């Protein structure tokens, strides 16, 4: 699932407007590139989110810039990561 999440993040970084229609603009494209159905891509990204939430919630909240009351949905998760990468904040958090 991580490779698919990375591909999804790359697509969103290339064109952030893809986050407005994540199913068609990201899941289908990632599925096409990785040889998976879009539903499998979504499920795998949800798994990545669950792992990030359970293993390093503080880092995820730091990247979001605020406390998270619940585990983010896929589009929220992708938005958090894209925003952190665009701002250069991701590198600071990993130091």
N, C-alpha and C. Protein backbone atom coordinates (compact mmCIF):
# COMPACT_ATOMS: atom_id res chain seq x y z
N UNK A 1 0.79 -1.20 0.00
CA UNK A 1 0.00 0.00 0.00
C UNK A 1 0.84 1.27 0.00
N UNK A 2 2.07 1.18 0.51
CA UNK A 2 2.89 2.39 0.58
C UNK A 2 3.23 2.91 -0.82
N UNK A 3 3.55 2.02 -1.73
CA UNK A 3 3.87 2.44 -3.09
C UNK A 3 2.67 3.16 -3.72
N UNK A 4 1.50 2.66 -3.47
CA UNK A 4 0.30 3.29 -4.01
C UNK A 4 0.05 4.65 -3.35
N UNK A 5 0.32 4.73 -2.05
CA UNK A 5 0.17 6.02 -1.35
C UNK A 5 1.16 7.03 -1.89
N UNK A 6 2.40 6.60 -2.13
CA UNK A 6 3.42 7.49 -2.68
C UNK A 6 2.99 7.98 -4.07
N UNK A 7 2.49 7.08 -4.89
CA UNK A 7 2.03 7.45 -6.22
C UNK A 7 0.88 8.46 -6.13
N UNK A 8 -0.04 8.23 -5.20
CA UNK A 8 -1.17 9.15 -5.01
C UNK A 8 -0.68 10.53 -4.59
N UNK A 9 0.29 10.56 -3.71
CA UNK A 9 0.84 11.84 -3.25
C UNK A 9 1.54 12.54 -4.41
N UNK A 10 2.28 11.80 -5.22
CA UNK A 10 2.95 12.39 -6.38
C UNK A 10 1.94 13.01 -7.34
N UNK A 11 0.84 12.30 -7.59
CA UNK A 11 -0.19 12.84 -8.47
C UNK A 11 -0.79 14.12 -7.91
N UNK A 12 -1.05 14.13 -6.60
CA UNK A 12 -1.60 15.33 -5.97
C UNK A 12 -0.60 16.47 -5.96
N UNK A 13 0.68 16.16 -5.82
CA UNK A 13 1.70 17.21 -5.87
C UNK A 13 1.80 17.81 -7.28
N UNK A 14 1.67 16.95 -8.29
CA UNK A 14 1.72 17.44 -9.68
C UNK A 14 0.56 18.37 -9.98
N UNK A 15 -0.62 18.02 -9.47
CA UNK A 15 -1.81 18.83 -9.74
C UNK A 15 -2.76 18.70 -8.55
N UNK A 16 -2.69 19.67 -7.66
CA UNK A 16 -3.44 19.62 -6.41
C UNK A 16 -4.95 19.56 -6.63
N UNK A 17 -5.43 20.04 -7.76
CA UNK A 17 -6.86 20.00 -8.04
C UNK A 17 -7.39 18.57 -8.13
N UNK A 18 -6.51 17.60 -8.29
CA UNK A 18 -6.93 16.20 -8.31
C UNK A 18 -7.57 15.79 -7.00
N UNK A 19 -7.25 16.47 -5.92
CA UNK A 19 -7.82 16.15 -4.62
C UNK A 19 -9.31 16.44 -4.55
N UNK A 20 -9.82 17.22 -5.49
CA UNK A 20 -11.26 17.53 -5.52
C UNK A 20 -12.08 16.34 -6.02
N UNK A 21 -11.46 15.47 -6.78
CA UNK A 21 -12.14 14.29 -7.31
C UNK A 21 -11.19 13.10 -7.18
N UNK A 22 -10.91 12.75 -5.95
CA UNK A 22 -9.86 11.78 -5.65
C UNK A 22 -10.11 10.41 -6.28
N UNK A 23 -11.36 10.00 -6.37
CA UNK A 23 -11.64 8.67 -6.94
C UNK A 23 -11.19 8.60 -8.39
N UNK A 24 -11.67 9.51 -9.20
CA UNK A 24 -11.33 9.46 -10.63
C UNK A 24 -9.93 9.98 -10.93
N UNK A 25 -9.54 11.02 -10.25
CA UNK A 25 -8.28 11.68 -10.58
C UNK A 25 -7.05 11.03 -9.94
N UNK A 26 -7.25 10.32 -8.85
CA UNK A 26 -6.10 9.72 -8.16
C UNK A 26 -6.22 8.20 -8.09
N UNK A 27 -7.29 7.69 -7.48
CA UNK A 27 -7.39 6.23 -7.30
C UNK A 27 -7.35 5.48 -8.62
N UNK A 28 -8.11 5.95 -9.61
CA UNK A 28 -8.13 5.26 -10.91
C UNK A 28 -6.75 5.31 -11.56
N UNK A 29 -6.11 6.46 -11.50
CA UNK A 29 -4.78 6.62 -12.12
C UNK A 29 -3.74 5.75 -11.40
N UNK A 30 -3.75 5.76 -10.08
CA UNK A 30 -2.82 4.92 -9.33
C UNK A 30 -3.09 3.45 -9.65
N UNK A 31 -4.34 3.07 -9.69
CA UNK A 31 -4.69 1.69 -10.02
C UNK A 31 -4.18 1.29 -11.38
N UNK A 32 -4.30 2.18 -12.33
CA UNK A 32 -3.82 1.93 -13.68
C UNK A 32 -2.30 1.75 -13.70
N UNK A 33 -1.62 2.61 -12.98
CA UNK A 33 -0.15 2.55 -12.95
C UNK A 33 0.37 1.34 -12.17
N UNK A 34 -0.37 0.91 -11.16
CA UNK A 34 0.10 -0.17 -10.29
C UNK A 34 -0.57 -1.52 -10.57
N UNK A 35 -1.44 -1.55 -11.57
CA UNK A 35 -2.10 -2.81 -11.90
C UNK A 35 -3.10 -3.27 -10.86
N UNK A 36 -3.82 -2.33 -10.25
CA UNK A 36 -4.81 -2.64 -9.22
C UNK A 36 -6.13 -1.96 -9.56
N UNK A 37 -7.22 -2.46 -8.97
CA UNK A 37 -8.50 -1.79 -9.08
C UNK A 37 -8.48 -0.55 -8.18
N UNK A 38 -9.26 0.45 -8.55
CA UNK A 38 -9.28 1.67 -7.76
C UNK A 38 -9.73 1.40 -6.33
N UNK A 39 -10.61 0.42 -6.14
CA UNK A 39 -11.08 0.10 -4.80
C UNK A 39 -9.95 -0.46 -3.93
N UNK A 40 -9.05 -1.22 -4.55
CA UNK A 40 -7.90 -1.74 -3.81
C UNK A 40 -6.95 -0.61 -3.43
N UNK A 41 -6.80 0.36 -4.32
CA UNK A 41 -5.95 1.52 -4.04
C UNK A 41 -6.50 2.27 -2.83
N UNK A 42 -7.80 2.53 -2.83
CA UNK A 42 -8.41 3.24 -1.70
C UNK A 42 -8.23 2.45 -0.41
N UNK A 43 -8.48 1.15 -0.44
CA UNK A 43 -8.33 0.31 0.74
C UNK A 43 -6.89 0.33 1.25
N UNK A 44 -5.94 0.25 0.33
CA UNK A 44 -4.53 0.25 0.73
C UNK A 44 -4.11 1.59 1.33
N UNK A 45 -4.63 2.68 0.80
CA UNK A 45 -4.33 3.99 1.38
C UNK A 45 -4.95 4.10 2.77
N UNK A 46 -6.15 3.55 2.94
CA UNK A 46 -6.78 3.54 4.27
C UNK A 46 -5.93 2.75 5.26
N UNK A 47 -5.32 1.66 4.79
CA UNK A 47 -4.44 0.87 5.65
C UNK A 47 -3.21 1.68 6.05
N UNK A 48 -2.63 2.41 5.10
CA UNK A 48 -1.48 3.27 5.41
C UNK A 48 -1.88 4.32 6.45
N UNK A 49 -3.07 4.89 6.29
CA UNK A 49 -3.55 5.88 7.25
C UNK A 49 -3.69 5.27 8.64
N UNK A 50 -4.27 4.08 8.70
CA UNK A 50 -4.45 3.41 9.99
C UNK A 50 -3.11 3.16 10.68
N UNK A 51 -2.11 2.77 9.91
CA UNK A 51 -0.79 2.53 10.48
C UNK A 51 -0.16 3.84 10.96
N UNK A 52 -0.26 4.87 10.13
CA UNK A 52 0.29 6.18 10.52
C UNK A 52 -0.41 6.69 11.78
N UNK A 53 -1.72 6.50 11.85
CA UNK A 53 -2.50 6.95 12.99
C UNK A 53 -2.11 6.22 14.27
N UNK A 54 -1.92 4.91 14.17
CA UNK A 54 -1.62 4.13 15.37
C UNK A 54 -0.14 4.20 15.78
N UNK A 55 0.74 4.36 14.81
CA UNK A 55 2.17 4.32 15.13
C UNK A 55 2.82 5.69 15.29
N UNK A 56 2.23 6.74 14.70
CA UNK A 56 2.87 8.04 14.83
C UNK A 56 1.86 9.19 14.67
N UNK A 57 0.82 9.12 15.47
CA UNK A 57 -0.20 10.16 15.44
C UNK A 57 0.38 11.55 15.72
N UNK A 58 1.32 11.71 16.67
CA UNK A 58 1.87 13.04 16.92
C UNK A 58 2.51 13.67 15.67
N UNK A 59 3.22 12.87 14.89
CA UNK A 59 3.83 13.40 13.67
C UNK A 59 2.76 13.82 12.67
N UNK A 60 1.73 13.00 12.53
CA UNK A 60 0.64 13.33 11.62
C UNK A 60 -0.04 14.63 12.04
N UNK A 61 -0.26 14.79 13.33
CA UNK A 61 -0.87 16.03 13.83
C UNK A 61 0.06 17.23 13.63
N UNK A 62 1.35 17.00 13.79
CA UNK A 62 2.32 18.06 13.56
C UNK A 62 2.27 18.51 12.10
N UNK A 63 2.21 17.55 11.19
CA UNK A 63 2.12 17.88 9.76
C UNK A 63 0.82 18.58 9.43
N UNK A 64 -0.26 18.18 10.11
CA UNK A 64 -1.56 18.83 9.87
C UNK A 64 -1.57 20.25 10.44
N UNK A 65 -0.75 20.48 11.45
CA UNK A 65 -0.70 21.81 12.05
C UNK A 65 -1.73 22.02 13.14
N UNK A 66 -2.41 20.95 13.53
CA UNK A 66 -3.42 21.03 14.59
C UNK A 66 -3.75 19.63 15.07
N UNK A 67 -4.32 19.52 16.27
CA UNK A 67 -4.72 18.20 16.77
C UNK A 67 -5.81 17.60 15.88
N UNK A 68 -5.79 16.31 15.73
CA UNK A 68 -6.80 15.61 14.94
C UNK A 68 -7.68 14.82 15.91
N UNK A 69 -8.98 15.06 15.85
CA UNK A 69 -9.89 14.38 16.77
C UNK A 69 -10.21 12.96 16.33
N UNK A 70 -9.99 12.69 15.06
CA UNK A 70 -10.23 11.35 14.54
C UNK A 70 -9.27 11.06 13.38
N UNK A 71 -9.16 9.80 13.06
CA UNK A 71 -8.27 9.40 11.96
C UNK A 71 -8.75 10.06 10.67
N UNK A 72 -7.84 10.67 9.91
CA UNK A 72 -8.26 11.37 8.69
C UNK A 72 -8.75 10.41 7.61
N UNK A 73 -9.66 10.91 6.82
CA UNK A 73 -10.13 10.20 5.63
C UNK A 73 -9.02 10.29 4.59
N UNK A 74 -9.05 9.45 3.56
CA UNK A 74 -7.97 9.46 2.57
C UNK A 74 -7.69 10.83 1.95
N UNK A 75 -8.71 11.55 1.54
CA UNK A 75 -8.45 12.86 0.92
C UNK A 75 -7.84 13.82 1.92
N UNK A 76 -8.24 13.75 3.18
CA UNK A 76 -7.66 14.60 4.22
C UNK A 76 -6.19 14.23 4.45
N UNK A 77 -5.92 12.93 4.51
CA UNK A 77 -4.56 12.44 4.70
C UNK A 77 -3.66 12.91 3.56
N UNK A 78 -4.12 12.73 2.33
CA UNK A 78 -3.33 13.17 1.18
C UNK A 78 -3.11 14.67 1.21
N UNK A 79 -4.14 15.41 1.57
CA UNK A 79 -4.02 16.88 1.66
C UNK A 79 -3.00 17.30 2.71
N UNK A 80 -3.01 16.63 3.85
CA UNK A 80 -2.05 16.93 4.92
C UNK A 80 -0.62 16.72 4.41
N UNK A 81 -0.39 15.57 3.78
CA UNK A 81 0.96 15.25 3.31
C UNK A 81 1.39 16.17 2.18
N UNK A 82 0.50 16.45 1.25
CA UNK A 82 0.84 17.35 0.13
C UNK A 82 1.17 18.73 0.66
N UNK A 83 0.37 19.21 1.59
CA UNK A 83 0.62 20.54 2.17
C UNK A 83 1.97 20.58 2.90
N UNK A 84 2.26 19.54 3.67
CA UNK A 84 3.54 19.49 4.39
C UNK A 84 4.71 19.42 3.42
N UNK A 85 4.58 18.66 2.36
CA UNK A 85 5.65 18.56 1.38
C UNK A 85 5.85 19.87 0.63
N UNK A 86 4.75 20.51 0.25
CA UNK A 86 4.85 21.79 -0.48
C UNK A 86 5.50 22.87 0.36
N UNK A 87 5.20 22.88 1.64
CA UNK A 87 5.73 23.94 2.52
C UNK A 87 7.15 23.65 2.99
N UNK A 88 7.62 22.45 2.72
CA UNK A 88 8.95 22.07 3.20
C UNK A 88 8.93 21.61 4.64
N UNK A 89 7.75 21.57 5.24
CA UNK A 89 7.64 21.20 6.64
C UNK A 89 7.93 19.73 6.89
N UNK A 90 7.67 18.90 5.93
CA UNK A 90 7.87 17.45 6.10
C UNK A 90 9.33 17.15 6.49
N UNK A 91 10.27 17.84 5.86
CA UNK A 91 11.68 17.60 6.17
C UNK A 91 12.00 18.01 7.60
N UNK A 92 11.42 19.11 8.05
CA UNK A 92 11.67 19.58 9.43
C UNK A 92 11.14 18.59 10.45
N UNK A 93 9.98 17.97 10.15
CA UNK A 93 9.36 17.05 11.10
C UNK A 93 10.15 15.76 11.21
N UNK A 94 10.87 15.41 10.18
CA UNK A 94 11.58 14.13 10.17
C UNK A 94 12.99 14.24 10.72
N UNK A 95 13.42 15.42 11.07
CA UNK A 95 14.77 15.62 11.62
C UNK A 95 14.88 15.09 13.02
